[in-house]
């Protein structure tokens, strides 16, 4: 993601910039593998509308159906369709077992 005046912002062209490598970096930096329950993507620095935009990109571009939940009033994204080809590709490439 990007910073403007020392604040993390979501650019208007996030769909084009949100590449598989960017997704992998997000998973590796702010992703948590939940034992037997999938993955949690922390989005603490973003507003709810920005998180919804990120979720839309995950849904449209990567076919990862997600839910939005709050953790101590901070947004968290849970991809729920872990049978998606995208999820399995990421799992194979980046070995989610090692994501903490």
N, C-alpha and C. Protein backbone atom coordinates (compact mmCIF):
# COMPACT_ATOMS: atom_id res chain seq x y z
N UNK A 1 0.84 -1.15 0.00
CA UNK A 1 0.00 0.00 0.00
C UNK A 1 0.89 1.23 0.00
N UNK A 2 0.33 2.38 0.14
CA UNK A 2 1.10 3.60 -0.04
C UNK A 2 0.89 4.56 1.12
N UNK A 3 1.83 5.46 1.27
CA UNK A 3 1.77 6.46 2.32
C UNK A 3 1.64 7.85 1.72
N UNK A 4 0.87 8.72 2.39
CA UNK A 4 0.73 10.11 2.03
C UNK A 4 0.74 10.90 3.32
N UNK A 5 1.67 11.83 3.45
CA UNK A 5 1.83 12.59 4.70
C UNK A 5 1.92 11.69 5.92
N UNK A 6 2.71 10.63 5.80
CA UNK A 6 2.98 9.67 6.88
C UNK A 6 1.75 8.88 7.31
N UNK A 7 0.70 8.87 6.47
CA UNK A 7 -0.50 8.09 6.74
C UNK A 7 -0.69 7.09 5.62
N UNK A 8 -0.98 5.86 5.98
CA UNK A 8 -1.20 4.82 4.98
C UNK A 8 -2.53 5.09 4.29
N UNK A 9 -2.49 5.11 2.97
CA UNK A 9 -3.70 5.34 2.18
C UNK A 9 -3.85 4.24 1.13
N UNK A 10 -5.04 4.12 0.62
CA UNK A 10 -5.32 3.17 -0.44
C UNK A 10 -5.47 3.96 -1.73
N UNK A 11 -4.60 3.76 -2.72
CA UNK A 11 -4.69 4.55 -3.96
C UNK A 11 -5.92 4.17 -4.78
N UNK A 12 -6.35 5.10 -5.61
CA UNK A 12 -7.52 4.88 -6.46
C UNK A 12 -7.31 3.69 -7.41
N UNK A 13 -6.08 3.45 -7.83
CA UNK A 13 -5.80 2.38 -8.79
C UNK A 13 -5.32 1.11 -8.09
N UNK A 14 -5.85 0.84 -6.92
CA UNK A 14 -5.39 -0.33 -6.14
C UNK A 14 -5.63 -1.63 -6.90
N UNK A 15 -6.69 -1.71 -7.69
CA UNK A 15 -6.96 -2.94 -8.43
C UNK A 15 -5.78 -3.29 -9.35
N UNK A 16 -5.26 -2.29 -10.03
CA UNK A 16 -4.13 -2.53 -10.95
C UNK A 16 -2.83 -2.80 -10.20
N UNK A 17 -2.65 -2.16 -9.06
CA UNK A 17 -1.40 -2.29 -8.31
C UNK A 17 -1.36 -3.50 -7.38
N UNK A 18 -2.51 -4.10 -7.13
CA UNK A 18 -2.57 -5.21 -6.17
C UNK A 18 -2.26 -6.52 -6.89
N UNK A 19 -0.99 -6.74 -7.11
CA UNK A 19 -0.49 -7.90 -7.84
C UNK A 19 -0.41 -9.12 -6.92
N UNK A 20 -0.21 -10.30 -7.48
CA UNK A 20 0.00 -11.48 -6.63
C UNK A 20 1.19 -11.30 -5.67
N UNK A 21 2.22 -10.59 -6.11
CA UNK A 21 3.36 -10.34 -5.23
C UNK A 21 2.96 -9.43 -4.08
N UNK A 22 2.16 -8.41 -4.36
CA UNK A 22 1.67 -7.51 -3.30
C UNK A 22 0.82 -8.29 -2.30
N UNK A 23 -0.04 -9.18 -2.81
CA UNK A 23 -0.86 -10.02 -1.92
C UNK A 23 0.03 -10.91 -1.06
N UNK A 24 1.06 -11.49 -1.66
CA UNK A 24 1.97 -12.34 -0.90
C UNK A 24 2.68 -11.55 0.19
N UNK A 25 3.10 -10.33 -0.12
CA UNK A 25 3.75 -9.49 0.89
C UNK A 25 2.79 -9.18 2.04
N UNK A 26 1.54 -8.91 1.71
CA UNK A 26 0.55 -8.61 2.75
C UNK A 26 0.34 -9.83 3.64
N UNK A 27 0.21 -10.99 3.01
CA UNK A 27 0.02 -12.23 3.77
C UNK A 27 1.22 -12.49 4.67
N UNK A 28 2.41 -12.32 4.11
CA UNK A 28 3.62 -12.61 4.89
C UNK A 28 3.85 -11.58 5.99
N UNK A 29 3.45 -10.34 5.76
CA UNK A 29 3.69 -9.29 6.74
C UNK A 29 2.59 -9.12 7.76
N UNK A 30 1.33 -9.32 7.35
CA UNK A 30 0.20 -9.08 8.24
C UNK A 30 -0.81 -10.21 8.23
N UNK A 31 -0.42 -11.36 7.70
CA UNK A 31 -1.32 -12.50 7.66
C UNK A 31 -1.04 -13.45 8.81
N UNK A 32 -2.09 -14.07 9.27
CA UNK A 32 -1.97 -15.04 10.35
C UNK A 32 -2.72 -16.29 9.93
N UNK A 33 -2.05 -17.42 9.89
CA UNK A 33 -2.72 -18.69 9.60
C UNK A 33 -3.37 -19.16 10.88
N UNK A 34 -4.66 -19.39 10.79
CA UNK A 34 -5.42 -19.86 11.94
C UNK A 34 -5.50 -21.37 11.88
N UNK A 35 -5.12 -22.01 12.93
CA UNK A 35 -5.05 -23.47 12.99
C UNK A 35 -6.38 -24.10 12.56
N UNK A 36 -6.39 -24.68 11.38
CA UNK A 36 -7.58 -25.37 10.89
C UNK A 36 -8.73 -24.47 10.50
N UNK A 37 -8.53 -23.14 10.55
CA UNK A 37 -9.63 -22.23 10.26
C UNK A 37 -9.30 -21.22 9.19
N UNK A 38 -8.18 -21.37 8.51
CA UNK A 38 -7.88 -20.48 7.40
C UNK A 38 -6.89 -19.38 7.72
N UNK A 39 -7.17 -18.20 7.20
CA UNK A 39 -6.23 -17.10 7.20
C UNK A 39 -6.90 -15.84 7.70
N UNK A 40 -6.13 -15.00 8.38
CA UNK A 40 -6.61 -13.69 8.82
C UNK A 40 -5.64 -12.65 8.27
N UNK A 41 -6.17 -11.63 7.60
CA UNK A 41 -5.36 -10.54 7.05
C UNK A 41 -5.66 -9.27 7.85
N UNK A 42 -4.68 -8.80 8.57
CA UNK A 42 -4.86 -7.59 9.38
C UNK A 42 -4.85 -6.37 8.47
N UNK A 43 -5.77 -5.47 8.73
CA UNK A 43 -5.88 -4.23 7.95
C UNK A 43 -6.07 -3.06 8.92
N UNK A 44 -5.36 -3.10 10.03
CA UNK A 44 -5.55 -2.17 11.12
C UNK A 44 -5.41 -0.70 10.73
N UNK A 45 -4.56 -0.40 9.77
CA UNK A 45 -4.28 1.00 9.42
C UNK A 45 -5.32 1.61 8.48
N UNK A 46 -6.25 0.80 8.00
CA UNK A 46 -7.20 1.30 7.01
C UNK A 46 -8.56 1.54 7.62
N UNK A 47 -9.31 2.47 7.00
CA UNK A 47 -10.69 2.73 7.39
C UNK A 47 -11.57 1.58 6.89
N UNK A 48 -12.78 1.50 7.41
CA UNK A 48 -13.71 0.45 6.97
C UNK A 48 -13.97 0.56 5.46
N UNK A 49 -14.25 1.75 4.90
CA UNK A 49 -14.45 1.82 3.45
C UNK A 49 -13.23 1.35 2.65
N UNK A 50 -12.02 1.64 3.13
CA UNK A 50 -10.82 1.17 2.44
C UNK A 50 -10.70 -0.34 2.52
N UNK A 51 -11.06 -0.91 3.66
CA UNK A 51 -11.00 -2.36 3.81
C UNK A 51 -12.03 -3.02 2.88
N UNK A 52 -13.19 -2.43 2.76
CA UNK A 52 -14.20 -2.96 1.83
C UNK A 52 -13.67 -2.92 0.40
N UNK A 53 -12.96 -1.86 0.04
CA UNK A 53 -12.34 -1.78 -1.28
C UNK A 53 -11.33 -2.90 -1.46
N UNK A 54 -10.48 -3.13 -0.46
CA UNK A 54 -9.51 -4.23 -0.53
C UNK A 54 -10.22 -5.57 -0.68
N UNK A 55 -11.29 -5.76 0.07
CA UNK A 55 -12.06 -7.01 -0.03
C UNK A 55 -12.61 -7.18 -1.44
N UNK A 56 -13.10 -6.10 -2.04
CA UNK A 56 -13.63 -6.18 -3.40
C UNK A 56 -12.54 -6.61 -4.38
N UNK A 57 -11.33 -6.09 -4.20
CA UNK A 57 -10.22 -6.51 -5.06
C UNK A 57 -9.93 -7.99 -4.86
N UNK A 58 -9.91 -8.45 -3.61
CA UNK A 58 -9.67 -9.88 -3.34
C UNK A 58 -10.76 -10.75 -3.96
N UNK A 59 -11.98 -10.28 -3.91
CA UNK A 59 -13.11 -11.05 -4.46
C UNK A 59 -13.06 -11.08 -5.98
N UNK A 60 -12.90 -9.90 -6.60
CA UNK A 60 -12.98 -9.81 -8.06
C UNK A 60 -11.71 -10.35 -8.73
N UNK A 61 -10.56 -9.93 -8.24
CA UNK A 61 -9.31 -10.27 -8.91
C UNK A 61 -8.80 -11.66 -8.55
N UNK A 62 -9.00 -12.08 -7.30
CA UNK A 62 -8.42 -13.35 -6.85
C UNK A 62 -9.46 -14.39 -6.43
N UNK A 63 -10.74 -14.07 -6.58
CA UNK A 63 -11.83 -15.00 -6.24
C UNK A 63 -11.74 -15.50 -4.79
N UNK A 64 -11.28 -14.63 -3.90
CA UNK A 64 -11.23 -14.96 -2.48
C UNK A 64 -12.41 -14.28 -1.78
N UNK A 65 -13.45 -15.03 -1.52
CA UNK A 65 -14.60 -14.48 -0.81
C UNK A 65 -14.17 -14.22 0.62
N UNK A 66 -14.51 -13.04 1.12
CA UNK A 66 -14.00 -12.62 2.42
C UNK A 66 -15.11 -12.12 3.33
N UNK A 67 -14.83 -12.13 4.61
CA UNK A 67 -15.70 -11.47 5.58
C UNK A 67 -14.87 -10.41 6.30
N UNK A 68 -15.55 -9.37 6.74
CA UNK A 68 -14.92 -8.31 7.51
C UNK A 68 -15.33 -8.46 8.95
N UNK A 69 -14.35 -8.48 9.83
CA UNK A 69 -14.63 -8.56 11.26
C UNK A 69 -13.76 -7.52 11.96
N UNK A 70 -14.10 -7.22 13.20
CA UNK A 70 -13.32 -6.27 13.97
C UNK A 70 -12.59 -6.99 15.08
N UNK A 71 -11.34 -6.63 15.27
CA UNK A 71 -10.52 -7.15 16.35
C UNK A 71 -10.08 -5.94 17.17
N UNK A 72 -10.68 -5.78 18.35
CA UNK A 72 -10.41 -4.60 19.19
C UNK A 72 -10.65 -3.31 18.40
N UNK A 73 -11.78 -3.26 17.71
CA UNK A 73 -12.21 -2.12 16.90
C UNK A 73 -11.31 -1.84 15.70
N UNK A 74 -10.48 -2.80 15.31
CA UNK A 74 -9.63 -2.67 14.13
C UNK A 74 -10.08 -3.69 13.09
N UNK A 75 -10.13 -3.31 11.80
CA UNK A 75 -10.63 -4.22 10.77
C UNK A 75 -9.68 -5.38 10.47
N UNK A 76 -10.28 -6.53 10.26
CA UNK A 76 -9.56 -7.75 9.91
C UNK A 76 -10.34 -8.43 8.79
N UNK A 77 -9.65 -8.94 7.79
CA UNK A 77 -10.29 -9.64 6.67
C UNK A 77 -10.04 -11.13 6.82
N UNK A 78 -11.11 -11.92 6.69
CA UNK A 78 -11.00 -13.38 6.71
C UNK A 78 -11.43 -13.92 5.36
N UNK A 79 -10.48 -14.38 4.51
CA UNK A 79 -10.88 -15.09 3.29
C UNK A 79 -11.56 -16.40 3.69
N UNK A 80 -12.78 -16.62 3.19
CA UNK A 80 -13.54 -17.79 3.65
C UNK A 80 -13.56 -18.95 2.68
N UNK A 81 -13.26 -18.72 1.41
CA UNK A 81 -13.28 -19.84 0.46
C UNK A 81 -11.86 -20.35 0.25
N UNK A 82 -11.40 -21.12 1.17
CA UNK A 82 -10.02 -21.58 1.14
C UNK A 82 -9.80 -22.67 0.10
N UNK A 83 -10.81 -23.02 -0.65
CA UNK A 83 -10.65 -23.96 -1.75
C UNK A 83 -10.33 -23.22 -3.05
N UNK A 84 -10.25 -21.90 -2.99
CA UNK A 84 -9.94 -21.10 -4.17
C UNK A 84 -8.57 -21.47 -4.73
N UNK A 85 -8.44 -21.53 -6.06
CA UNK A 85 -7.12 -21.80 -6.65
C UNK A 85 -6.07 -20.79 -6.19
N UNK A 86 -6.48 -19.54 -5.99
CA UNK A 86 -5.54 -18.50 -5.54
C UNK A 86 -4.98 -18.86 -4.16
N UNK A 87 -5.84 -19.28 -3.25
CA UNK A 87 -5.40 -19.62 -1.89
C UNK A 87 -4.42 -20.79 -1.93
N UNK A 88 -4.74 -21.80 -2.70
CA UNK A 88 -3.86 -22.96 -2.76
C UNK A 88 -2.53 -22.63 -3.42
N UNK A 89 -2.55 -21.73 -4.41
CA UNK A 89 -1.29 -21.30 -5.03
C UNK A 89 -0.43 -20.55 -4.03
N UNK A 90 -1.04 -19.64 -3.27
CA UNK A 90 -0.29 -18.91 -2.25
C UNK A 90 0.24 -19.86 -1.19
N UNK A 91 -0.60 -20.78 -0.78
CA UNK A 91 -0.19 -21.74 0.25
C UNK A 91 1.03 -22.54 -0.22
N UNK A 92 1.00 -22.97 -1.46
CA UNK A 92 2.12 -23.75 -1.99
C UNK A 92 3.38 -22.90 -2.14
N UNK A 93 3.20 -21.67 -2.62
CA UNK A 93 4.36 -20.82 -2.87
C UNK A 93 5.00 -20.26 -1.61
N UNK A 94 4.19 -19.91 -0.65
CA UNK A 94 4.70 -19.19 0.51
C UNK A 94 4.59 -19.95 1.81
N UNK A 95 4.13 -21.18 1.75
CA UNK A 95 4.09 -22.06 2.90
C UNK A 95 3.49 -21.37 4.13
N UNK A 96 2.17 -21.23 4.14
CA UNK A 96 1.48 -20.52 5.21
C UNK A 96 1.78 -21.10 6.59
N UNK A 97 2.27 -22.31 6.65
CA UNK A 97 2.59 -22.89 7.96
C UNK A 97 3.59 -22.03 8.71
N UNK A 98 4.41 -21.28 7.99
CA UNK A 98 5.44 -20.48 8.63
C UNK A 98 5.00 -19.03 8.89
N UNK A 99 3.79 -18.66 8.47
CA UNK A 99 3.31 -17.31 8.73
C UNK A 99 2.81 -17.25 10.16
N UNK A 100 3.29 -16.29 10.90
CA UNK A 100 2.89 -16.16 12.31
C UNK A 100 2.20 -14.85 12.50
